[in-house]
């Protein structure tokens, strides 16, 4: 066969090969784009779920903080004023309060409630006022009386707001970003239970300059990263949902216990109107009203003193059981009362 013909055949074969590679490369580019689009959609979706859960959880905790404030300004202040009118109160022999250290109530619980309430009033949060979102978030998430006790009188609420602004988890819950570090979503995951998001998918959409095969490999790598982020995101959403669930339980328990204290205080006022302010002169029914008002006041203090989150932003695992026990005692049921010790 003449050599020119052989060269021609080779050239033709090279052309066909180049055409096939070109077609294959174009297909790889299309596949890479489809995979990248899918991965990006997955990450966008989990980001939206996380943000929705973040906002919902933040709102729930803030609402709980506001309820704590309302309790102080309403039923707690009413109890403090009414109970303070009584003389010669002796609760040592109350079987209802035996396991709640009722004998120390006037020295411990009452003094603590009075101090907390005074601190709130000194900070300008008396009846008819409300907390800012940062303070409400901190007041709802943490041990309220601890925060108030450690804050200087008159600056308590600004101190509470400072807690929310500087704590990574609360900053993320309240604003979606971390002021103390600027980690964004990945940082929020990092501080909420040690979950860390994968690196940002920086090469999404940037495949046209790559060879088809390389672009496809990069896209497959993107998809693996997207799956990792989605797995971590799912865990984060579950953690937020549990925090929200426990906060709602605490909020509901505080509301119900406050209602019971309100009724007991009402009965205590009636007793004072009928029998005066000397406790020993009360009939048994009126004494029981006093007993129950003290019981519910102690339970409310126990709720307020129970944190939802620890200092690292994680759910306090013992909180749910503690709140359930408080609710049981408020309903007159048996409970592990040792968990109520503050």
Protein backbone atom coordinates (compact mmCIF):
# COMPACT_ATOMS: atom_id res chain seq x y z
CA UNK A 1 0.00 0.00 0.00
CA UNK A 2 1.39 3.41 -0.87
CA UNK A 3 2.64 5.41 2.08
CA UNK A 4 0.44 8.51 1.43
CA UNK A 5 -2.64 6.34 1.79
CA UNK A 6 -1.40 4.99 5.12
CA UNK A 7 -0.80 8.55 6.34
CA UNK A 8 -4.27 9.50 5.20
CA UNK A 9 -5.84 6.61 7.08
CA UNK A 10 -3.94 7.55 10.22
CA UNK A 11 -5.00 11.16 9.91
CA UNK A 12 -8.61 10.10 9.42
CA UNK A 13 -8.41 7.85 12.44
CA UNK A 14 -6.96 10.68 14.51
CA UNK A 15 -9.79 12.90 13.38
CA UNK A 16 -12.42 10.34 14.40
CA UNK A 17 -10.64 9.87 17.74
CA UNK A 18 -10.55 13.61 18.29
CA UNK A 19 -14.24 13.85 17.42
CA UNK A 20 -15.08 11.05 19.86
CA UNK A 21 -13.01 12.70 22.60
CA UNK A 22 -14.65 16.00 21.83
CA UNK A 23 -18.10 14.45 22.14
CA UNK A 24 -17.03 12.64 25.31
CA UNK A 25 -15.60 15.84 26.76
CA UNK A 26 -18.77 17.74 26.01
CA UNK A 27 -20.81 15.00 27.69
CA UNK A 28 -18.49 15.11 30.72
CA UNK A 29 -19.04 18.85 30.94
CA UNK A 30 -22.83 18.39 30.82
CA UNK A 31 -22.70 15.66 33.43
CA UNK A 32 -20.43 17.78 35.60
CA UNK A 33 -22.82 20.72 35.37
CA UNK A 34 -25.79 18.50 36.28
CA UNK A 35 -23.95 17.06 39.28
CA UNK A 36 -22.83 20.51 40.43
CA UNK A 37 -26.34 21.89 40.07
CA UNK A 38 -27.71 18.97 42.09
CA UNK A 39 -25.05 19.37 44.81
CA UNK A 40 -25.66 23.10 45.02
CA UNK A 41 -29.40 22.49 45.29
CA UNK A 42 -28.82 20.06 48.16
CA UNK A 43 -26.67 22.57 50.06
CA UNK A 44 -29.11 25.44 49.40
CA UNK A 45 -31.94 23.27 50.72
CA UNK A 46 -30.18 22.27 53.95
CA UNK A 47 -29.08 25.88 54.46
CA UNK A 48 -32.72 26.95 54.27
CA UNK A 49 -33.81 24.22 56.69
CA UNK A 50 -31.10 25.21 59.15
CA UNK A 51 -32.02 28.88 58.93
CA UNK A 52 -35.72 28.13 59.44
CA UNK A 53 -34.91 25.98 62.48
CA UNK A 54 -32.52 28.62 63.80
CA UNK A 55 -35.13 31.37 63.59
CA UNK A 56 -37.84 29.19 65.13
CA UNK A 57 -35.61 28.05 68.00
CA UNK A 58 -34.40 31.60 68.61
CA UNK A 59 -37.99 32.85 68.77
CA UNK A 60 -38.97 30.08 71.22
CA UNK A 61 -36.08 30.84 73.58
CA UNK A 62 -36.74 34.58 73.43
CA UNK A 63 -40.41 34.00 74.23
CA UNK A 64 -39.39 31.90 77.22
CA UNK A 65 -37.11 34.68 78.45
CA UNK A 66 -39.97 37.16 78.17
CA UNK A 67 -42.24 34.79 80.12
CA UNK A 68 -39.67 34.63 82.92
CA UNK A 69 -39.74 38.43 83.06
CA UNK A 70 -43.55 38.49 83.09
CA UNK A 71 -43.57 35.95 85.91
CA UNK A 72 -41.34 38.23 88.01
CA UNK A 73 -43.43 41.31 87.26
CA UNK A 74 -46.75 39.55 87.84
CA UNK A 75 -47.23 36.53 90.06
CA UNK A 76 -43.82 36.52 91.77
CA UNK A 77 -44.04 40.18 92.81
CA UNK A 78 -47.62 39.60 93.99
CA UNK A 79 -46.52 36.58 96.02
CA UNK A 80 -43.56 38.43 97.55
CA UNK A 81 -45.77 41.33 98.62
CA UNK A 82 -48.59 39.16 99.99
CA UNK A 83 -46.42 36.58 101.73
CA UNK A 84 -44.35 39.37 103.22
CA UNK A 85 -47.39 40.63 105.10
CA UNK A 86 -47.72 37.43 107.12
CA UNK A 87 -46.38 37.17 110.66
CA UNK A 88 -45.12 34.13 112.58
CA UNK A 89 -45.25 31.78 109.59
CA UNK A 90 -44.14 28.24 110.41
CA UNK A 91 -43.91 25.82 107.48
CA UNK A 92 -41.72 23.21 109.14
CA UNK A 93 -44.57 20.76 109.66
CA UNK A 94 -45.99 20.91 106.15
CA UNK A 95 -46.00 17.41 104.62
CA UNK A 96 -46.68 18.93 101.20
CA UNK A 97 -43.36 20.78 101.33
CA UNK A 98 -41.28 18.31 103.29
CA UNK A 99 -39.00 17.45 100.37
CA UNK A 100 -38.68 21.02 99.14
CA UNK A 101 -36.86 22.43 102.16
CA UNK A 102 -39.80 24.61 103.09
CA UNK A 103 -38.26 25.42 106.45
CA UNK A 104 -35.55 27.43 104.69
CA UNK A 105 -37.93 29.19 102.38
CA UNK A 106 -38.02 32.57 104.09
CA UNK A 107 -34.23 32.71 104.29
CA UNK A 108 -33.33 31.24 100.91
CA UNK A 109 -35.99 31.16 98.23
CA UNK A 110 -37.83 34.30 99.25
CA UNK A 111 -34.62 36.29 99.58
CA UNK A 112 -33.45 35.02 96.18
CA UNK A 113 -36.72 35.92 94.49
CA UNK A 114 -36.73 39.35 96.12
CA UNK A 115 -33.17 40.04 95.02
CA UNK A 116 -33.80 38.90 91.46
CA UNK A 117 -36.96 40.97 91.20
CA UNK A 118 -35.24 44.04 92.65
CA UNK A 119 -32.41 43.67 90.14
CA UNK A 120 -34.90 43.59 87.28
CA UNK A 121 -36.68 46.68 88.60
CA UNK A 122 -33.40 48.53 89.08
CA UNK A 123 -32.59 47.77 85.47
CA UNK A 124 -35.83 49.47 84.38
CA UNK A 125 -37.74 46.27 83.69
CA UNK A 126 -40.68 46.76 85.97
CA UNK A 127 -44.31 46.11 85.16
CA UNK A 128 -45.26 46.91 81.57
CA UNK A 129 -41.75 46.75 80.14
CA UNK A 130 -40.00 44.07 78.13
CA UNK A 131 -36.51 42.86 77.38
CA UNK A 132 -34.61 43.44 74.18
CA UNK A 133 -34.14 40.37 72.01
CA UNK A 134 -30.55 39.76 73.11
CA UNK A 135 -31.37 39.93 76.81
CA UNK A 136 -34.49 37.78 76.38
CA UNK A 137 -32.46 35.18 74.50
CA UNK A 138 -29.85 34.99 77.27
CA UNK A 139 -32.50 35.07 80.02
CA UNK A 140 -34.38 32.22 78.34
CA UNK A 141 -31.34 30.08 77.55
CA UNK A 142 -29.43 30.30 80.81
CA UNK A 143 -29.95 30.11 84.55
CA UNK A 144 -31.81 33.39 84.97
CA UNK A 145 -31.11 34.03 88.63
CA UNK A 146 -27.42 33.18 88.17
CA UNK A 147 -27.14 35.75 85.41
CA UNK A 148 -28.91 38.36 87.50
CA UNK A 149 -26.88 37.57 90.62
CA UNK A 150 -23.57 38.01 88.79
CA UNK A 151 -24.59 41.23 87.08
CA UNK A 152 -24.12 44.55 88.80
CA UNK A 153 -27.31 46.24 89.92
CA UNK A 154 -28.51 48.60 87.23
CA UNK A 155 -26.44 46.97 84.50
CA UNK A 156 -27.97 43.51 84.71
CA UNK A 157 -29.84 43.66 81.44
CA UNK A 158 -26.96 45.11 79.46
CA UNK A 159 -24.89 42.29 80.90
CA UNK A 160 -27.50 39.79 79.74
CA UNK A 161 -27.41 41.31 76.28
CA UNK A 162 -23.66 41.02 76.36
CA UNK A 163 -23.94 37.30 77.04
CA UNK A 164 -26.05 36.88 73.94
CA UNK A 165 -23.71 39.01 71.85
CA UNK A 166 -20.49 37.29 72.84
CA UNK A 167 -21.60 33.67 73.22
CA UNK A 168 -21.09 31.99 69.86
CA UNK A 169 -24.23 29.87 69.86
CA UNK A 170 -26.54 32.65 71.09
CA UNK A 171 -25.01 35.09 68.60
CA UNK A 172 -25.64 32.61 65.82
CA UNK A 173 -29.18 31.84 67.01
CA UNK A 174 -29.99 35.54 67.28
CA UNK A 175 -28.42 36.77 64.08
CA UNK A 176 -27.40 33.89 61.88
CA UNK A 177 -23.73 34.80 62.09
CA UNK A 178 -21.09 34.63 64.78
CA UNK A 179 -19.95 38.06 65.90
CA UNK A 180 -17.19 36.47 67.96
CA UNK A 181 -15.37 34.89 65.05
CA UNK A 182 -17.55 35.36 61.98
CA UNK A 183 -17.82 31.66 61.22
CA UNK A 184 -21.20 31.89 59.53
CA UNK A 185 -23.18 28.67 59.09
CA UNK A 186 -20.16 26.42 59.52
CA UNK A 187 -19.22 28.19 62.73
CA UNK A 188 -22.77 27.83 64.02
CA UNK A 189 -22.52 24.13 63.39
CA UNK A 190 -19.18 24.03 65.12
CA UNK A 191 -20.42 25.58 68.35
CA UNK A 192 -23.73 23.73 68.45
CA UNK A 193 -22.72 20.34 69.73
CA UNK A 194 -19.40 20.07 67.95
CA UNK A 195 -20.89 19.64 64.46
CA UNK A 196 -18.63 21.04 61.77
CA UNK A 197 -19.76 21.66 58.21
CA UNK A 198 -17.59 20.65 55.30
CA UNK A 199 -15.66 23.37 53.44
CA UNK A 200 -17.61 25.74 51.26
CA UNK A 201 -18.20 24.41 47.77
CA UNK A 202 -16.18 27.18 46.19
CA UNK A 203 -15.87 25.59 42.73
CA UNK A 204 -19.57 25.20 42.05
CA UNK A 205 -20.27 26.45 38.56
CA UNK A 206 -16.60 26.91 37.70
CA UNK A 207 -16.07 23.98 35.36
CA UNK A 208 -15.97 25.44 31.90
CA UNK A 209 -12.27 26.14 32.03
CA UNK A 210 -11.48 22.57 33.03
CA UNK A 211 -11.13 19.60 30.76
CA UNK A 212 -14.26 17.51 30.60
CA UNK A 213 -12.86 14.58 32.58
CA UNK A 214 -11.33 16.89 35.21
CA UNK A 215 -14.58 18.86 35.51
CA UNK A 216 -16.50 15.63 36.09
CA UNK A 217 -14.08 14.54 38.80
CA UNK A 218 -14.38 17.92 40.49
CA UNK A 219 -18.15 17.73 40.32
CA UNK A 220 -18.15 14.28 41.93
CA UNK A 221 -15.94 15.68 44.70
CA UNK A 222 -18.40 18.53 45.14
CA UNK A 223 -21.25 16.06 45.49
CA UNK A 224 -19.41 14.18 48.25
CA UNK A 225 -18.85 17.45 50.09
CA UNK A 226 -22.50 18.36 49.62
CA UNK A 227 -23.59 15.03 51.10
CA UNK A 228 -21.31 15.61 54.10
CA UNK A 229 -22.73 19.09 54.66
CA UNK A 230 -26.28 17.75 54.37
CA UNK A 231 -25.58 14.99 56.91
CA UNK A 232 -24.15 17.53 59.36
CA UNK A 233 -27.01 19.90 58.60
CA UNK A 234 -29.58 17.20 59.38
CA UNK A 235 -27.91 16.64 62.76
CA UNK A 236 -27.93 20.35 63.43
CA UNK A 237 -31.63 20.68 62.60
CA UNK A 238 -32.38 17.79 64.98
CA UNK A 239 -30.38 19.46 67.76
CA UNK A 240 -32.26 22.72 67.22
CA UNK A 241 -35.57 20.87 67.28
CA UNK A 242 -34.73 19.22 70.62
CA UNK A 243 -33.65 22.55 72.12
CA UNK A 244 -36.92 24.07 70.93
CA UNK A 245 -38.92 21.13 72.34
CA UNK A 246 -37.31 21.37 75.79
CA UNK A 247 -37.72 25.17 75.85
CA UNK A 248 -41.41 24.82 75.01
CA UNK A 249 -41.79 22.29 77.82
CA UNK A 250 -40.12 24.69 80.28
CA UNK A 251 -42.28 27.56 79.02
CA UNK A 252 -45.47 25.53 79.40
CA UNK A 253 -44.48 24.31 82.87
CA UNK A 254 -43.65 27.85 83.99
CA UNK A 255 -47.00 29.06 82.68
CA UNK A 256 -48.98 26.32 84.44
CA UNK A 257 -47.08 26.68 87.72
CA UNK A 258 -47.49 30.46 87.60
CA UNK A 259 -51.24 29.94 87.23
CA UNK A 260 -51.31 27.69 90.29
CA UNK A 261 -49.29 30.19 92.31
CA UNK A 262 -51.66 32.94 91.22
CA UNK A 263 -54.62 30.94 92.58
CA UNK A 264 -52.83 30.18 95.86
CA UNK A 265 -51.91 33.85 96.34
CA UNK A 266 -55.52 34.79 95.71
CA UNK A 267 -56.58 32.42 98.51
CA UNK A 268 -53.83 33.80 100.75
CA UNK A 269 -55.18 37.33 100.23
CA UNK A 270 -58.66 36.18 101.17
CA UNK A 271 -57.30 34.61 104.36
CA UNK A 272 -55.56 37.88 105.29
CA UNK A 273 -58.76 39.83 104.71
CA UNK A 274 -60.76 37.43 106.91
CA UNK A 275 -58.29 36.46 109.65
CA UNK A 276 -55.63 39.18 109.66
CA UNK A 277 -51.91 38.80 109.05
CA UNK A 278 -50.97 36.43 111.90
CA UNK A 279 -50.42 33.00 110.41
CA UNK A 280 -51.15 30.90 113.57
CA UNK A 281 -54.67 32.33 113.65
CA UNK A 282 -55.47 30.91 110.20
CA UNK A 283 -57.76 27.87 109.91
CA UNK A 284 -56.25 24.75 108.31
CA UNK A 285 -57.66 25.51 104.87
CA UNK A 286 -56.05 28.95 104.82
CA UNK A 287 -52.76 27.55 106.10
CA UNK A 288 -52.79 25.12 103.20
CA UNK A 289 -53.20 28.03 100.80
CA UNK A 290 -50.02 29.52 102.25
CA UNK A 291 -48.28 26.14 102.06
CA UNK A 292 -49.20 25.76 98.41
CA UNK A 293 -48.21 29.31 97.51
CA UNK A 294 -44.76 28.63 98.96
CA UNK A 295 -44.59 25.31 97.12
CA UNK A 296 -45.42 26.88 93.76
CA UNK A 297 -43.05 29.80 94.36
CA UNK A 298 -40.25 27.33 95.02
CA UNK A 299 -41.11 25.40 91.87
CA UNK A 300 -41.07 28.59 89.81
CA UNK A 301 -37.67 29.47 91.22
CA UNK A 302 -36.48 25.96 90.35
CA UNK A 303 -37.69 26.45 86.76
CA UNK A 304 -36.02 29.85 86.43
CA UNK A 305 -32.81 28.44 87.89
CA UNK A 306 -32.75 25.61 85.33
CA UNK A 307 -30.70 26.45 82.22
CA UNK A 308 -31.68 25.25 78.76
CA UNK A 309 -28.15 25.57 77.33
CA UNK A 310 -24.72 25.26 78.90
CA UNK A 311 -21.96 27.83 78.41
CA UNK A 312 -20.81 26.04 75.24
CA UNK A 313 -24.25 26.32 73.69
CA UNK A 314 -25.22 22.66 74.11
CA UNK A 315 -28.53 21.47 75.50
CA UNK A 316 -28.25 20.61 79.21
CA UNK A 317 -29.23 16.95 79.14
CA UNK A 318 -30.68 16.92 82.66
CA UNK A 319 -33.04 19.85 81.98
CA UNK A 320 -35.89 17.90 80.41
CA UNK A 321 -36.13 15.44 83.32
CA UNK A 322 -35.86 18.26 85.82
CA UNK A 323 -38.70 20.19 84.17
CA UNK A 324 -40.84 17.02 84.00
CA UNK A 325 -40.24 16.48 87.73
CA UNK A 326 -41.18 20.07 88.50
CA UNK A 327 -44.37 19.67 86.49
CA UNK A 328 -45.19 16.45 88.34
CA UNK A 329 -44.76 18.10 91.74
CA UNK A 330 -46.92 21.03 90.62
CA UNK A 331 -49.61 18.48 89.72
CA UNK A 332 -49.31 16.81 93.12
CA UNK A 333 -47.65 13.69 91.73
CA UNK A 334 -44.60 11.78 92.91
CA UNK A 335 -41.32 12.81 91.37
CA UNK A 336 -37.60 12.53 91.92
CA UNK A 337 -37.52 15.61 94.10
CA UNK A 338 -33.78 15.38 94.63
CA UNK A 339 -33.45 16.70 91.06
CA UNK A 340 -35.17 19.91 92.15
CA UNK A 341 -32.40 20.92 94.51
CA UNK A 342 -30.96 24.21 93.30
